[in-house]
Amino acid sequence: MVRRGLVTGILVTLLWLVSGLQLTAQALTSIELTDLSYQACPAEMADGMVVSGSIQEANCYLITGKAINRSGKLVVNADIFGRIYDANANPVMQNRTRLGSIDQVPPGESDFQLRVSVAANQPEPLKLEQFKASGFSGKVRR
């Protein structure tokens, strides 16, 4: 009886170990964002813009910069985090630091752009601070 329990325990442990082998570790990979700047969106992108969750009129901006992936692997679904302040140092997005995402970041340096809407009553120039991104080096289910 003890022998049967021992064999069953060993088989369960082996099955558990083998099942984990097919799963690849896909840790979060940090992406550095540099050379940040912004400009007004082209007219076709900005038409009818409103602030998220309201009908308040908004201005559309494209934030551009360089994404630096030092991992040597393709990073997918990289979330962009950062803080945007108006000319009076008021936050443009209350209680929100995730601003968008980049679908794919190849190894090395690449360009990126992100569209954001800002309430029309918030004065320029905008200040872009603490921008960073992180994503996965493997396929992400959606």
N, C-alpha and C. Protein backbone atom coordinates (compact mmCIF):
# COMPACT_ATOMS: atom_id res chain seq x y z
N MET A 1 0.82 -1.19 0.00
CA MET A 1 0.00 0.00 0.00
C MET A 1 0.87 1.27 0.00
N VAL A 2 1.93 1.25 0.81
CA VAL A 2 2.85 2.38 0.87
C VAL A 2 3.55 2.55 -0.48
N ARG A 3 3.91 1.42 -1.08
CA ARG A 3 4.60 1.46 -2.36
C ARG A 3 3.72 2.10 -3.43
N ARG A 4 2.45 1.76 -3.47
CA ARG A 4 1.52 2.32 -4.46
C ARG A 4 1.41 3.84 -4.27
N GLY A 5 1.33 4.30 -3.03
CA GLY A 5 1.26 5.74 -2.75
C GLY A 5 2.52 6.46 -3.19
N LEU A 6 3.68 5.83 -2.96
CA LEU A 6 4.95 6.41 -3.35
C LEU A 6 5.06 6.52 -4.87
N VAL A 7 4.68 5.47 -5.58
CA VAL A 7 4.72 5.47 -7.05
C VAL A 7 3.77 6.53 -7.60
N THR A 8 2.58 6.61 -7.03
CA THR A 8 1.61 7.62 -7.48
C THR A 8 2.16 9.03 -7.25
N GLY A 9 2.77 9.26 -6.10
CA GLY A 9 3.36 10.57 -5.80
C GLY A 9 4.46 10.93 -6.78
N ILE A 10 5.32 9.97 -7.11
CA ILE A 10 6.40 10.22 -8.07
C ILE A 10 5.84 10.52 -9.45
N LEU A 11 4.85 9.76 -9.88
CA LEU A 11 4.24 10.00 -11.20
C LEU A 11 3.56 11.37 -11.27
N VAL A 12 2.86 11.75 -10.23
CA VAL A 12 2.21 13.06 -10.20
C VAL A 12 3.26 14.17 -10.27
N THR A 13 4.35 14.02 -9.52
CA THR A 13 5.42 15.01 -9.53
C THR A 13 6.07 15.11 -10.91
N LEU A 14 6.35 13.98 -11.54
CA LEU A 14 6.94 13.99 -12.88
C LEU A 14 6.00 14.63 -13.90
N LEU A 15 4.73 14.31 -13.82
CA LEU A 15 3.74 14.91 -14.73
C LEU A 15 3.69 16.42 -14.54
N TRP A 16 3.73 16.86 -13.30
CA TRP A 16 3.71 18.29 -13.00
C TRP A 16 4.95 18.98 -13.57
N LEU A 17 6.12 18.37 -13.41
CA LEU A 17 7.36 18.94 -13.93
C LEU A 17 7.37 18.99 -15.45
N VAL A 18 6.94 17.92 -16.10
CA VAL A 18 6.92 17.85 -17.57
C VAL A 18 5.92 18.85 -18.14
N SER A 19 4.79 19.04 -17.50
CA SER A 19 3.80 19.98 -18.02
C SER A 19 4.33 21.41 -17.99
N GLY A 20 5.21 21.72 -17.07
CA GLY A 20 5.79 23.05 -16.98
C GLY A 20 6.87 23.31 -18.00
N LEU A 21 7.42 22.27 -18.62
CA LEU A 21 8.50 22.46 -19.59
C LEU A 21 8.03 23.15 -20.86
N GLN A 22 6.79 22.93 -21.25
CA GLN A 22 6.31 23.54 -22.48
C GLN A 22 5.96 25.01 -22.32
N LEU A 23 5.89 25.49 -21.09
CA LEU A 23 5.63 26.89 -20.84
C LEU A 23 6.96 27.63 -20.82
N THR A 24 7.09 28.67 -21.63
CA THR A 24 8.32 29.44 -21.64
C THR A 24 8.16 30.65 -20.72
N ALA A 25 9.22 30.98 -20.05
CA ALA A 25 9.19 32.14 -19.18
C ALA A 25 9.16 33.40 -20.04
N GLN A 26 8.19 34.23 -19.79
CA GLN A 26 8.03 35.45 -20.58
C GLN A 26 7.94 36.63 -19.62
N ALA A 27 9.06 37.00 -19.08
CA ALA A 27 9.09 38.08 -18.10
C ALA A 27 8.87 39.43 -18.78
N LEU A 28 8.44 40.37 -18.01
CA LEU A 28 8.24 41.73 -18.48
C LEU A 28 9.59 42.33 -18.86
N THR A 29 9.66 42.95 -20.03
CA THR A 29 10.88 43.56 -20.53
C THR A 29 10.72 45.07 -20.54
N SER A 30 11.67 45.79 -19.94
CA SER A 30 11.62 47.25 -19.90
C SER A 30 12.11 47.85 -21.20
N ILE A 31 11.43 48.90 -21.64
CA ILE A 31 11.79 49.64 -22.85
C ILE A 31 12.03 51.09 -22.44
N GLU A 32 13.18 51.62 -22.82
CA GLU A 32 13.50 53.01 -22.53
C GLU A 32 12.89 53.90 -23.61
N LEU A 33 12.24 54.99 -23.22
CA LEU A 33 11.66 55.94 -24.18
C LEU A 33 12.43 57.25 -24.08
N THR A 34 12.97 57.71 -25.22
CA THR A 34 13.79 58.93 -25.24
C THR A 34 13.33 59.85 -26.37
N ASP A 35 13.94 61.04 -26.43
CA ASP A 35 13.67 62.04 -27.48
C ASP A 35 12.18 62.32 -27.62
N LEU A 36 11.51 62.51 -26.50
CA LEU A 36 10.07 62.73 -26.51
C LEU A 36 9.73 64.14 -26.98
N SER A 37 8.72 64.22 -27.81
CA SER A 37 8.17 65.51 -28.24
C SER A 37 6.71 65.30 -28.59
N TYR A 38 6.00 66.39 -28.79
CA TYR A 38 4.59 66.27 -29.18
C TYR A 38 4.27 67.33 -30.21
N GLN A 39 3.22 67.08 -30.94
CA GLN A 39 2.70 68.03 -31.93
C GLN A 39 1.20 67.79 -32.07
N ALA A 40 0.50 68.77 -32.60
CA ALA A 40 -0.94 68.62 -32.82
C ALA A 40 -1.17 67.54 -33.87
N CYS A 41 -2.24 66.79 -33.70
CA CYS A 41 -2.60 65.74 -34.67
C CYS A 41 -2.99 66.38 -36.00
N PRO A 42 -2.79 65.66 -37.10
CA PRO A 42 -3.33 66.12 -38.37
C PRO A 42 -4.86 66.25 -38.27
N ALA A 43 -5.44 67.11 -39.08
CA ALA A 43 -6.88 67.41 -39.00
C ALA A 43 -7.75 66.17 -39.08
N GLU A 44 -7.40 65.21 -39.94
CA GLU A 44 -8.24 64.01 -40.08
C GLU A 44 -8.24 63.14 -38.83
N MET A 45 -7.18 63.19 -38.03
CA MET A 45 -7.13 62.42 -36.79
C MET A 45 -7.83 63.15 -35.64
N ALA A 46 -7.85 64.47 -35.68
CA ALA A 46 -8.34 65.27 -34.56
C ALA A 46 -9.82 65.61 -34.64
N ASP A 47 -10.45 65.40 -35.76
CA ASP A 47 -11.84 65.79 -35.95
C ASP A 47 -12.77 65.09 -34.96
N GLY A 48 -13.52 65.88 -34.19
CA GLY A 48 -14.51 65.33 -33.27
C GLY A 48 -13.93 64.77 -31.98
N MET A 49 -12.71 65.14 -31.61
CA MET A 49 -12.08 64.61 -30.39
C MET A 49 -12.80 65.11 -29.14
N VAL A 50 -13.02 64.21 -28.20
CA VAL A 50 -13.55 64.55 -26.89
C VAL A 50 -12.70 63.85 -25.84
N VAL A 51 -12.76 64.35 -24.61
CA VAL A 51 -12.03 63.74 -23.51
C VAL A 51 -12.70 62.42 -23.15
N SER A 52 -11.92 61.41 -22.85
CA SER A 52 -12.45 60.09 -22.49
C SER A 52 -13.44 60.19 -21.34
N GLY A 53 -14.60 59.57 -21.50
CA GLY A 53 -15.59 59.53 -20.44
C GLY A 53 -16.46 60.76 -20.34
N SER A 54 -16.36 61.70 -21.27
CA SER A 54 -17.19 62.90 -21.22
C SER A 54 -17.40 63.44 -22.63
N ILE A 55 -18.16 64.52 -22.71
CA ILE A 55 -18.37 65.17 -24.01
C ILE A 55 -17.60 66.48 -24.09
N GLN A 56 -16.66 66.67 -23.15
CA GLN A 56 -15.84 67.87 -23.12
C GLN A 56 -14.92 67.90 -24.35
N GLU A 57 -14.85 69.05 -25.01
CA GLU A 57 -14.01 69.18 -26.19
C GLU A 57 -12.54 68.96 -25.83
N ALA A 58 -11.81 68.37 -26.77
CA ALA A 58 -10.41 68.03 -26.50
C ALA A 58 -9.53 68.36 -27.69
N ASN A 59 -8.26 68.54 -27.40
CA ASN A 59 -7.23 68.69 -28.43
C ASN A 59 -6.52 67.36 -28.58
N CYS A 60 -6.15 67.06 -29.81
CA CYS A 60 -5.46 65.81 -30.12
C CYS A 60 -3.97 66.10 -30.30
N TYR A 61 -3.13 65.27 -29.68
CA TYR A 61 -1.68 65.41 -29.82
C TYR A 61 -1.07 64.06 -30.15
N LEU A 62 0.00 64.11 -30.95
CA LEU A 62 0.81 62.93 -31.23
C LEU A 62 2.11 63.07 -30.45
N ILE A 63 2.36 62.14 -29.58
CA ILE A 63 3.63 62.10 -28.85
C ILE A 63 4.55 61.16 -29.62
N THR A 64 5.73 61.63 -29.95
CA THR A 64 6.69 60.83 -30.70
C THR A 64 7.99 60.71 -29.92
N GLY A 65 8.76 59.70 -30.26
CA GLY A 65 10.04 59.50 -29.61
C GLY A 65 10.72 58.24 -30.09
N LYS A 66 11.76 57.86 -29.38
CA LYS A 66 12.52 56.65 -29.68
C LYS A 66 12.28 55.62 -28.58
N ALA A 67 12.06 54.38 -29.00
CA ALA A 67 11.93 53.26 -28.07
C ALA A 67 13.21 52.44 -28.17
N ILE A 68 13.88 52.23 -27.04
CA ILE A 68 15.15 51.50 -27.03
C ILE A 68 14.94 50.17 -26.32
N ASN A 69 15.05 49.09 -27.10
CA ASN A 69 14.88 47.73 -26.59
C ASN A 69 16.25 47.08 -26.51
N ARG A 70 16.78 46.94 -25.32
CA ARG A 70 18.12 46.38 -25.11
C ARG A 70 18.10 44.87 -24.86
N SER A 71 16.93 44.24 -24.93
CA SER A 71 16.83 42.81 -24.60
C SER A 71 17.35 41.89 -25.69
N GLY A 72 17.44 42.39 -26.92
CA GLY A 72 17.86 41.53 -28.03
C GLY A 72 16.73 40.69 -28.59
N LYS A 73 15.53 40.83 -28.05
CA LYS A 73 14.37 40.07 -28.52
C LYS A 73 13.25 41.02 -28.90
N LEU A 74 12.38 40.57 -29.77
CA LEU A 74 11.19 41.34 -30.13
C LEU A 74 10.28 41.43 -28.90
N VAL A 75 9.84 42.62 -28.58
CA VAL A 75 8.91 42.82 -27.46
C VAL A 75 7.56 43.18 -28.05
N VAL A 76 6.52 42.51 -27.57
CA VAL A 76 5.17 42.75 -28.08
C VAL A 76 4.29 43.33 -26.97
N ASN A 77 3.29 44.09 -27.42
CA ASN A 77 2.28 44.65 -26.52
C ASN A 77 2.92 45.42 -25.37
N ALA A 78 3.79 46.37 -25.71
CA ALA A 78 4.49 47.16 -24.69
C ALA A 78 3.59 48.31 -24.24
N ASP A 79 3.23 48.32 -22.98
CA ASP A 79 2.41 49.40 -22.42
C ASP A 79 3.29 50.61 -22.17
N ILE A 80 2.76 51.80 -22.52
CA ILE A 80 3.46 53.06 -22.31
C ILE A 80 2.89 53.73 -21.06
N PHE A 81 3.79 54.10 -20.16
CA PHE A 81 3.41 54.79 -18.94
C PHE A 81 4.11 56.14 -18.90
N GLY A 82 3.47 57.13 -18.34
CA GLY A 82 4.10 58.43 -18.20
C GLY A 82 3.13 59.43 -17.61
N ARG A 83 3.64 60.60 -17.36
CA ARG A 83 2.82 61.69 -16.82
C ARG A 83 2.89 62.87 -17.77
N ILE A 84 1.73 63.48 -18.00
CA ILE A 84 1.65 64.66 -18.86
C ILE A 84 1.05 65.78 -18.03
N TYR A 85 1.74 66.92 -18.03
CA TYR A 85 1.27 68.09 -17.29
C TYR A 85 1.06 69.25 -18.25
N ASP A 86 0.11 70.15 -17.92
CA ASP A 86 -0.10 71.33 -18.75
C ASP A 86 0.86 72.43 -18.29
N ALA A 87 0.71 73.64 -18.87
CA ALA A 87 1.62 74.75 -18.57
C ALA A 87 1.56 75.18 -17.11
N ASN A 88 0.44 74.90 -16.43
CA ASN A 88 0.29 75.26 -15.02
C ASN A 88 0.67 74.13 -14.07
N ALA A 89 1.32 73.10 -14.60
CA ALA A 89 1.75 71.91 -13.83
C ALA A 89 0.58 71.09 -13.31
N ASN A 90 -0.58 71.20 -13.95
CA ASN A 90 -1.73 70.36 -13.61
C ASN A 90 -1.69 69.09 -14.44
N PRO A 91 -1.99 67.94 -13.84
CA PRO A 91 -1.98 66.70 -14.63
C PRO A 91 -3.06 66.71 -15.70
N VAL A 92 -2.68 66.27 -16.87
CA VAL A 92 -3.61 66.20 -18.00
C VAL A 92 -4.55 65.01 -17.84
N MET A 93 -4.04 63.92 -17.30
CA MET A 93 -4.84 62.71 -17.11
C MET A 93 -4.85 62.38 -15.63
N GLN A 94 -5.96 62.64 -14.99
CA GLN A 94 -6.09 62.39 -13.55
C GLN A 94 -6.06 60.90 -13.25
N ASN A 95 -5.28 60.51 -12.26
CA ASN A 95 -5.23 59.12 -11.76
C ASN A 95 -4.97 58.11 -12.87
N ARG A 96 -4.17 58.49 -13.84
CA ARG A 96 -3.91 57.57 -14.95
C ARG A 96 -2.49 57.77 -15.45
N THR A 97 -1.68 56.71 -15.41
CA THR A 97 -0.33 56.82 -15.95
C THR A 97 -0.14 55.93 -17.18
N ARG A 98 -1.02 54.93 -17.40
CA ARG A 98 -0.92 54.14 -18.63
C ARG A 98 -1.57 54.96 -19.73
N LEU A 99 -0.77 55.28 -20.74
CA LEU A 99 -1.23 56.17 -21.79
C LEU A 99 -1.58 55.46 -23.09
N GLY A 100 -1.06 54.28 -23.30
CA GLY A 100 -1.30 53.54 -24.54
C GLY A 100 -0.34 52.38 -24.65
N SER A 101 -0.12 51.93 -25.88
CA SER A 101 0.78 50.79 -26.07
C SER A 101 1.45 50.85 -27.44
N ILE A 102 2.52 50.08 -27.56
CA ILE A 102 3.22 49.88 -28.82
C ILE A 102 3.07 48.40 -29.15
N ASP A 103 2.55 48.08 -30.33
CA ASP A 103 2.30 46.68 -30.69
C ASP A 103 3.58 45.84 -30.69
N GLN A 104 4.63 46.35 -31.36
CA GLN A 104 5.89 45.60 -31.45
C GLN A 104 7.07 46.56 -31.33
N VAL A 105 8.06 46.16 -30.53
CA VAL A 105 9.30 46.93 -30.40
C VAL A 105 10.45 45.99 -30.76
N PRO A 106 11.06 46.19 -31.95
CA PRO A 106 12.17 45.32 -32.34
C PRO A 106 13.41 45.61 -31.49
N PRO A 107 14.37 44.69 -31.47
CA PRO A 107 15.61 44.95 -30.74
C PRO A 107 16.29 46.21 -31.28
N GLY A 108 16.92 46.95 -30.39
CA GLY A 108 17.60 48.17 -30.80
C GLY A 108 16.71 49.39 -30.62
N GLU A 109 16.94 50.39 -31.47
CA GLU A 109 16.22 51.66 -31.37
C GLU A 109 15.20 51.77 -32.49
N SER A 110 13.99 52.19 -32.16
CA SER A 110 12.95 52.37 -33.17
C SER A 110 12.08 53.56 -32.79
N ASP A 111 11.40 54.11 -33.79
CA ASP A 111 10.50 55.24 -33.57
C ASP A 111 9.15 54.73 -33.07
N PHE A 112 8.46 55.56 -32.30
CA PHE A 112 7.10 55.24 -31.89
C PHE A 112 6.29 56.53 -31.88
N GLN A 113 4.97 56.38 -31.95
CA GLN A 113 4.08 57.52 -31.77
C GLN A 113 2.85 57.07 -31.01
N LEU A 114 2.29 58.00 -30.27
CA LEU A 114 1.16 57.73 -29.41
C LEU A 114 0.19 58.90 -29.51
N ARG A 115 -1.08 58.62 -29.74
CA ARG A 115 -2.09 59.67 -29.82
C ARG A 115 -2.77 59.83 -28.47
N VAL A 116 -2.86 61.07 -27.98
CA VAL A 116 -3.55 61.35 -26.73
C VAL A 116 -4.51 62.51 -26.93
N SER A 117 -5.57 62.52 -26.15
CA SER A 117 -6.50 63.65 -26.17
C SER A 117 -6.38 64.39 -24.84
N VAL A 118 -6.35 65.72 -24.94
CA VAL A 118 -6.18 66.58 -23.78
C VAL A 118 -7.32 67.59 -23.78
N ALA A 119 -7.92 67.81 -22.62
CA ALA A 119 -9.02 68.77 -22.52
C ALA A 119 -8.60 70.11 -23.13
N ALA A 120 -9.49 70.69 -23.92
CA ALA A 120 -9.17 71.92 -24.65
C ALA A 120 -8.85 73.09 -23.72
N ASN A 121 -9.31 73.05 -22.47
CA ASN A 121 -9.05 74.16 -21.56
C ASN A 121 -7.71 74.05 -20.83
N GLN A 122 -6.91 73.03 -21.12
CA GLN A 122 -5.59 72.90 -20.47
C GLN A 122 -4.53 73.54 -21.37
N PRO A 123 -3.82 74.54 -20.83
CA PRO A 123 -2.90 75.33 -21.66
C PRO A 123 -1.60 74.60 -22.00
N GLU A 124 -1.07 74.95 -23.16
CA GLU A 124 0.25 74.47 -23.58
C GLU A 124 1.30 75.42 -23.02
N PRO A 125 2.56 75.02 -23.00
CA PRO A 125 3.13 73.78 -23.49
C PRO A 125 2.90 72.63 -22.52
N LEU A 126 2.83 71.44 -23.08
CA LEU A 126 2.69 70.24 -22.27
C LEU A 126 4.07 69.78 -21.80
N LYS A 127 4.11 69.18 -20.63
CA LYS A 127 5.36 68.62 -20.10
C LYS A 127 5.21 67.10 -20.05
N LEU A 128 6.13 66.40 -20.68
CA LEU A 128 6.11 64.93 -20.74
C LEU A 128 7.16 64.41 -19.76
N GLU A 129 6.72 63.69 -18.73
CA GLU A 129 7.65 63.24 -17.69
C GLU A 129 7.48 61.76 -17.37
N GLN A 130 8.56 61.16 -16.92
CA GLN A 130 8.59 59.78 -16.42
C GLN A 130 8.04 58.78 -17.43
N PHE A 131 8.35 58.95 -18.70
CA PHE A 131 7.87 58.02 -19.72
C PHE A 131 8.72 56.76 -19.74
N LYS A 132 8.06 55.63 -19.80
CA LYS A 132 8.73 54.33 -19.92
C LYS A 132 7.73 53.36 -20.52
N ALA A 133 8.22 52.22 -20.93
CA ALA A 133 7.34 51.18 -21.48
C ALA A 133 7.83 49.83 -21.01
N SER A 134 6.93 48.87 -21.01
CA SER A 134 7.31 47.49 -20.71
C SER A 134 6.36 46.56 -21.43
N GLY A 135 6.92 45.44 -21.89
CA GLY A 135 6.12 44.47 -22.64
C GLY A 135 6.68 43.08 -22.47
N PHE A 136 6.23 42.18 -23.32
CA PHE A 136 6.60 40.77 -23.21
C PHE A 136 7.40 40.33 -24.43
N SER A 137 8.30 39.37 -24.22
CA SER A 137 9.12 38.88 -25.32
C SER A 137 8.51 37.66 -25.98
N GLY A 138 7.31 37.33 -25.62
CA GLY A 138 6.60 36.20 -26.23
C GLY A 138 5.19 36.60 -26.61
N LYS A 139 4.47 35.66 -27.18
CA LYS A 139 3.10 35.92 -27.61
C LYS A 139 2.20 36.17 -26.40
N VAL A 140 1.37 37.20 -26.50
CA VAL A 140 0.44 37.54 -25.43
C VAL A 140 -0.97 37.26 -25.92
N ARG A 141 -1.73 36.53 -25.13
CA ARG A 141 -3.11 36.22 -25.51
C ARG A 141 -3.99 37.43 -25.28
N ARG A 142 -4.92 37.65 -26.19
CA ARG A 142 -5.86 38.76 -26.04
C ARG A 142 -7.25 38.25 -26.12
